[in-house]
């Protein structure tokens, strides 16, 4: 007598073992993936500077007595100024660009006269490149000095505010 196909399948199912899940190839793939990601990862150091933007005043307040340091960035020059008395030291640009070394030297002399002062304002024209802003901020924030072959950083004016440069008197226009 012949067995039906149903009975044959039933007997075949009894002899089968449950399928095994092979994890070894999957682990191999993950090891290769992790190795690749670690080798191509960029380990960079992110530096975050806290900036204090000047507040917009609704009413005029009398500024405090003393120096209020400003660095004005123009297309043709850097100007170190006091908000109360005006320009202190214009630093004209050279063919190589802005005179950042002159700026650092002058700010070092200002810091020597006012050691307790930590605030400075950087005033920029509207089309000033971002790279120029970063370089000016670096020179205003810290002074790098070579000391026996090692570069030492000294704090100058770490509390930096950023604003718009005032209009040039000749460009402001105005007639009688």
C-alpha atoms as a PDB file:
ATOM      1  CA  UNK A   1       0.000   0.000   0.000  1.00  0.00           C
ATOM      2  CA  UNK A   2       1.210   3.402  -0.892  1.00  0.00           C
ATOM      3  CA  UNK A   3       1.329   6.202   1.546  1.00  0.00           C
ATOM      4  CA  UNK A   4      -0.352   9.418   0.736  1.00  0.00           C
ATOM      5  CA  UNK A   5       1.684  12.512   0.115  1.00  0.00           C
ATOM      6  CA  UNK A   6       0.341  14.039   3.327  1.00  0.00           C
ATOM      7  CA  UNK A   7       1.768  11.216   5.425  1.00  0.00           C
ATOM      8  CA  UNK A   8       5.096  11.415   3.599  1.00  0.00           C
ATOM      9  CA  UNK A   9       5.393  15.106   4.368  1.00  0.00           C
ATOM     10  CA  UNK A  10       4.471  14.485   7.980  1.00  0.00           C
ATOM     11  CA  UNK A  11       7.244  11.889   8.351  1.00  0.00           C
ATOM     12  CA  UNK A  12       9.756  14.192   6.607  1.00  0.00           C
ATOM     13  CA  UNK A  13       8.894  17.019   9.007  1.00  0.00           C
ATOM     14  CA  UNK A  14       9.638  14.846  12.031  1.00  0.00           C
ATOM     15  CA  UNK A  15      13.170  14.137  10.809  1.00  0.00           C
ATOM     16  CA  UNK A  16      14.030  17.791  10.159  1.00  0.00           C
ATOM     17  CA  UNK A  17      15.817  19.880  12.736  1.00  0.00           C
ATOM     18  CA  UNK A  18      14.856  23.522  13.226  1.00  0.00           C
ATOM     19  CA  UNK A  19      16.920  25.918  11.131  1.00  0.00           C
ATOM     20  CA  UNK A  20      19.868  27.486  12.967  1.00  0.00           C
ATOM     21  CA  UNK A  21      20.609  31.163  12.807  1.00  0.00           C
ATOM     22  CA  UNK A  22      24.250  31.684  11.879  1.00  0.00           C
ATOM     23  CA  UNK A  23      25.562  34.816  13.601  1.00  0.00           C
ATOM     24  CA  UNK A  24      29.222  34.456  12.589  1.00  0.00           C
ATOM     25  CA  UNK A  25      28.844  36.129   9.155  1.00  0.00           C
ATOM     26  CA  UNK A  26      26.809  38.927  10.702  1.00  0.00           C
ATOM     27  CA  UNK A  27      29.463  39.525  13.384  1.00  0.00           C
ATOM     28  CA  UNK A  28      32.124  39.579  10.659  1.00  0.00           C
ATOM     29  CA  UNK A  29      30.211  42.260   8.768  1.00  0.00           C
ATOM     30  CA  UNK A  30      29.855  44.389  11.895  1.00  0.00           C
ATOM     31  CA  UNK A  31      33.572  44.089  12.689  1.00  0.00           C
ATOM     32  CA  UNK A  32      34.473  45.247   9.187  1.00  0.00           C
ATOM     33  CA  UNK A  33      31.922  48.079   9.400  1.00  0.00           C
ATOM     34  CA  UNK A  34      33.182  49.318  12.788  1.00  0.00           C
ATOM     35  CA  UNK A  35      36.798  49.127  11.615  1.00  0.00           C
ATOM     36  CA  UNK A  36      35.950  51.123   8.476  1.00  0.00           C
ATOM     37  CA  UNK A  37      34.061  53.767  10.457  1.00  0.00           C
ATOM     38  CA  UNK A  38      36.886  54.163  12.985  1.00  0.00           C
ATOM     39  CA  UNK A  39      39.488  54.508  10.256  1.00  0.00           C
ATOM     40  CA  UNK A  40      37.518  57.138   8.328  1.00  0.00           C
ATOM     41  CA  UNK A  41      36.275  59.115  11.327  1.00  0.00           C
ATOM     42  CA  UNK A  42      37.643  62.611  11.722  1.00  0.00           C
ATOM     43  CA  UNK A  43      38.652  63.342  15.254  1.00  0.00           C
ATOM     44  CA  UNK A  44      38.661  67.107  15.453  1.00  0.00           C
ATOM     45  CA  UNK A  45      38.731  69.485  18.334  1.00  0.00           C
ATOM     46  CA  UNK A  46      35.866  71.931  18.417  1.00  0.00           C
ATOM     47  CA  UNK A  47      36.492  75.256  20.068  1.00  0.00           C
ATOM     48  CA  UNK A  48      33.525  77.298  21.191  1.00  0.00           C
ATOM     49  CA  UNK A  49      33.879  80.949  22.030  1.00  0.00           C
ATOM     50  CA  UNK A  50      31.186  82.747  23.938  1.00  0.00           C
ATOM     51  CA  UNK A  51      30.383  86.122  22.400  1.00  0.00           C
ATOM     52  CA  UNK A  52      28.528  88.919  24.106  1.00  0.00           C
ATOM     53  CA  UNK A  53      26.564  90.828  21.500  1.00  0.00           C
ATOM     54  CA  UNK A  54      25.900  94.450  22.411  1.00  0.00           C
ATOM     55  CA  UNK A  55      22.363  95.031  23.604  1.00  0.00           C
ATOM     56  CA  UNK A  56      20.173  97.464  21.742  1.00  0.00           C
ATOM     57  CA  UNK A  57      19.470 100.331  24.083  1.00  0.00           C
ATOM     58  CA  UNK A  58      16.062 101.949  24.017  1.00  0.00           C
ATOM     59  CA  UNK A  59      17.371 105.016  25.832  1.00  0.00           C
ATOM     60  CA  UNK A  60      20.741 106.719  25.937  1.00  0.00           C
ATOM     61  CA  UNK A  61      22.810 105.977  29.030  1.00  0.00           C
ATOM     62  CA  UNK A  62      25.930 107.857  29.994  1.00  0.00           C
ATOM     63  CA  UNK A  63      28.945 105.548  29.405  1.00  0.00           C
ATOM     64  CA  UNK A  64      31.163 104.886  32.432  1.00  0.00           C
ATOM     65  CA  UNK A  65      34.405 106.826  32.748  1.00  0.00           C
ATOM     66  CA  UNK A  66      37.522 105.070  31.541  1.00  0.00           C
ATOM     67  CA  UNK A  67      38.620 103.206  28.457  1.00  0.00           C
ATOM     68  CA  UNK A  68      36.066 101.346  26.348  1.00  0.00           C
ATOM     69  CA  UNK A  69      38.194  99.488  23.843  1.00  0.00           C
ATOM     70  CA  UNK A  70      37.004  99.112  20.258  1.00  0.00           C
ATOM     71  CA  UNK A  71      38.701  97.541  17.256  1.00  0.00           C
ATOM     72  CA  UNK A  72      37.181  98.807  14.012  1.00  0.00           C
ATOM     73  CA  UNK A  73      37.768  96.648  10.928  1.00  0.00           C
ATOM     74  CA  UNK A  74      37.626  98.581   7.656  1.00  0.00           C
ATOM     75  CA  UNK A  75      38.578  97.422   4.159  1.00  0.00           C
ATOM     76  CA  UNK A  76      41.781  99.454   4.199  1.00  0.00           C
ATOM     77  CA  UNK A  77      42.785  99.400   7.876  1.00  0.00           C
ATOM     78  CA  UNK A  78      42.293  98.318  11.453  1.00  0.00           C
ATOM     79  CA  UNK A  79      41.581 101.075  13.964  1.00  0.00           C
ATOM     80  CA  UNK A  80      42.014 100.707  17.719  1.00  0.00           C
ATOM     81  CA  UNK A  81      39.729 103.253  19.353  1.00  0.00           C
ATOM     82  CA  UNK A  82      38.161 104.355  22.605  1.00  0.00           C
ATOM     83  CA  UNK A  83      34.392 104.686  22.436  1.00  0.00           C
ATOM     84  CA  UNK A  84      34.566 107.929  24.431  1.00  0.00           C
ATOM     85  CA  UNK A  85      37.542 109.726  22.883  1.00  0.00           C
ATOM     86  CA  UNK A  86      37.789 108.264  19.368  1.00  0.00           C
ATOM     87  CA  UNK A  87      40.637 106.621  17.417  1.00  0.00           C
ATOM     88  CA  UNK A  88      43.810 105.760  19.304  1.00  0.00           C
ATOM     89  CA  UNK A  89      45.915 103.919  16.712  1.00  0.00           C
ATOM     90  CA  UNK A  90      45.150 103.426  13.028  1.00  0.00           C
ATOM     91  CA  UNK A  91      46.901 100.364  11.581  1.00  0.00           C
ATOM     92  CA  UNK A  92      46.892 100.659   7.757  1.00  0.00           C
ATOM     93  CA  UNK A  93      46.803  97.481   5.685  1.00  0.00           C
ATOM     94  CA  UNK A  94      49.853  96.429   3.729  1.00  0.00           C
ATOM     95  CA  UNK A  95      50.090  94.543   0.452  1.00  0.00           C
ATOM     96  CA  UNK A  96      50.088  91.317   2.513  1.00  0.00           C
ATOM     97  CA  UNK A  97      46.815  92.260   4.258  1.00  0.00           C
ATOM     98  CA  UNK A  98      45.879  93.551   7.675  1.00  0.00           C
ATOM     99  CA  UNK A  99      48.582  94.355  10.248  1.00  0.00           C
ATOM    100  CA  UNK A 100      47.595  91.730  12.838  1.00  0.00           C
ATOM    101  CA  UNK A 101      51.050  91.800  14.466  1.00  0.00           C
ATOM    102  CA  UNK A 102      50.792  95.564  14.969  1.00  0.00           C
ATOM    103  CA  UNK A 103      47.324  95.088  16.439  1.00  0.00           C
ATOM    104  CA  UNK A 104      48.609  92.467  18.893  1.00  0.00           C
ATOM    105  CA  UNK A 105      51.546  94.688  19.924  1.00  0.00           C
ATOM    106  CA  UNK A 106      49.316  97.713  20.508  1.00  0.00           C
ATOM    107  CA  UNK A 107      46.757  95.684  22.471  1.00  0.00           C
ATOM    108  CA  UNK A 108      49.582  94.331  24.620  1.00  0.00           C
ATOM    109  CA  UNK A 109      50.515  97.921  25.556  1.00  0.00           C
ATOM    110  CA  UNK A 110      46.868  98.716  26.315  1.00  0.00           C
ATOM    111  CA  UNK A 111      46.614  95.629  28.543  1.00  0.00           C
ATOM    112  CA  UNK A 112      49.769  96.720  30.404  1.00  0.00           C
ATOM    113  CA  UNK A 113      48.107 100.075  31.215  1.00  0.00           C
ATOM    114  CA  UNK A 114      44.697  98.553  32.043  1.00  0.00           C
ATOM    115  CA  UNK A 115      45.407  95.056  33.450  1.00  0.00           C
ATOM    116  CA  UNK A 116      41.965  94.667  35.066  1.00  0.00           C
ATOM    117  CA  UNK A 117      40.112  95.319  31.808  1.00  0.00           C
ATOM    118  CA  UNK A 118      38.745  92.252  29.980  1.00  0.00           C
ATOM    119  CA  UNK A 119      36.138  93.677  27.575  1.00  0.00           C
ATOM    120  CA  UNK A 120      36.596  94.754  23.971  1.00  0.00           C
ATOM    121  CA  UNK A 121      34.248  95.418  21.071  1.00  0.00           C
ATOM    122  CA  UNK A 122      34.979  94.483  17.467  1.00  0.00           C
ATOM    123  CA  UNK A 123      33.145  96.656  14.956  1.00  0.00           C
ATOM    124  CA  UNK A 124      32.969  95.342  11.384  1.00  0.00           C
ATOM    125  CA  UNK A 125      31.931  96.717   8.038  1.00  0.00           C
ATOM    126  CA  UNK A 126      29.072  94.739   6.516  1.00  0.00           C
ATOM    127  CA  UNK A 127      31.182  92.949   3.887  1.00  0.00           C
ATOM    128  CA  UNK A 128      34.045  91.857   6.154  1.00  0.00           C
ATOM    129  CA  UNK A 129      35.088  88.228   5.495  1.00  0.00           C
ATOM    130  CA  UNK A 130      34.490  85.739   8.301  1.00  0.00           C
ATOM    131  CA  UNK A 131      38.162  84.708   8.290  1.00  0.00           C
ATOM    132  CA  UNK A 132      39.167  88.304   9.045  1.00  0.00           C
ATOM    133  CA  UNK A 133      36.736  88.396  11.984  1.00  0.00           C
ATOM    134  CA  UNK A 134      38.219  85.183  13.413  1.00  0.00           C
ATOM    135  CA  UNK A 135      41.791  86.468  13.064  1.00  0.00           C
ATOM    136  CA  UNK A 136      40.935  89.788  14.741  1.00  0.00           C
ATOM    137  CA  UNK A 137      39.123  87.946  17.546  1.00  0.00           C
ATOM    138  CA  UNK A 138      42.169  85.718  18.102  1.00  0.00           C
ATOM    139  CA  UNK A 139      44.490  88.749  18.334  1.00  0.00           C
ATOM    140  CA  UNK A 140      42.130  90.578  20.716  1.00  0.00           C
ATOM    141  CA  UNK A 141      41.531  87.517  22.931  1.00  0.00           C
ATOM    142  CA  UNK A 142      45.047  86.158  23.462  1.00  0.00           C
ATOM    143  CA  UNK A 143      48.638  87.197  22.888  1.00  0.00           C
ATOM    144  CA  UNK A 144      51.059  84.506  21.744  1.00  0.00           C
ATOM    145  CA  UNK A 145      54.643  85.033  22.907  1.00  0.00           C
ATOM    146  CA  UNK A 146      57.673  82.859  22.151  1.00  0.00           C
ATOM    147  CA  UNK A 147      59.412  81.998  25.416  1.00  0.00           C
ATOM    148  CA  UNK A 148      62.600  79.949  24.982  1.00  0.00           C
ATOM    149  CA  UNK A 149      61.271  78.141  21.920  1.00  0.00           C
ATOM    150  CA  UNK A 150      57.813  77.502  23.392  1.00  0.00           C
ATOM    151  CA  UNK A 151      54.698  79.452  22.478  1.00  0.00           C
ATOM    152  CA  UNK A 152      53.000  80.862  25.560  1.00  0.00           C
ATOM    153  CA  UNK A 153      49.532  82.387  25.438  1.00  0.00           C
ATOM    154  CA  UNK A 154      48.614  85.372  27.594  1.00  0.00           C
ATOM    155  CA  UNK A 155      45.054  86.601  28.050  1.00  0.00           C
ATOM    156  CA  UNK A 156      44.304  90.060  26.671  1.00  0.00           C
ATOM    157  CA  UNK A 157      40.602  90.886  26.324  1.00  0.00           C
ATOM    158  CA  UNK A 158      38.542  87.650  26.408  1.00  0.00           C
ATOM    159  CA  UNK A 159      35.099  89.300  26.749  1.00  0.00           C
ATOM    160  CA  UNK A 160      34.405  90.183  23.118  1.00  0.00           C
ATOM    161  CA  UNK A 161      31.355  91.950  21.714  1.00  0.00           C
ATOM    162  CA  UNK A 162      30.664  92.297  18.006  1.00  0.00           C
ATOM    163  CA  UNK A 163      28.848  95.105  16.225  1.00  0.00           C
ATOM    164  CA  UNK A 164      28.618  97.152  13.048  1.00  0.00           C
ATOM    165  CA  UNK A 165      31.334  99.688  12.277  1.00  0.00           C
ATOM    166  CA  UNK A 166      30.230 103.317  12.247  1.00  0.00           C
ATOM    167  CA  UNK A 167      29.889 104.994   8.881  1.00  0.00           C
ATOM    168  CA  UNK A 168      32.887 106.912   7.591  1.00  0.00           C
ATOM    169  CA  UNK A 169      32.317 110.680   7.966  1.00  0.00           C
ATOM    170  CA  UNK A 170      32.920 111.407   4.274  1.00  0.00           C
ATOM    171  CA  UNK A 171      30.622 108.575   3.190  1.00  0.00           C
ATOM    172  CA  UNK A 172      27.826 109.593   5.552  1.00  0.00           C
ATOM    173  CA  UNK A 173      26.939 112.429   3.229  1.00  0.00           C
ATOM    174  CA  UNK A 174      24.682 115.202   4.235  1.00  0.00           C
ATOM    175  CA  UNK A 175      24.399 118.665   2.962  1.00  0.00           C
ATOM    176  CA  UNK A 176      23.372 122.026   4.175  1.00  0.00           C
END
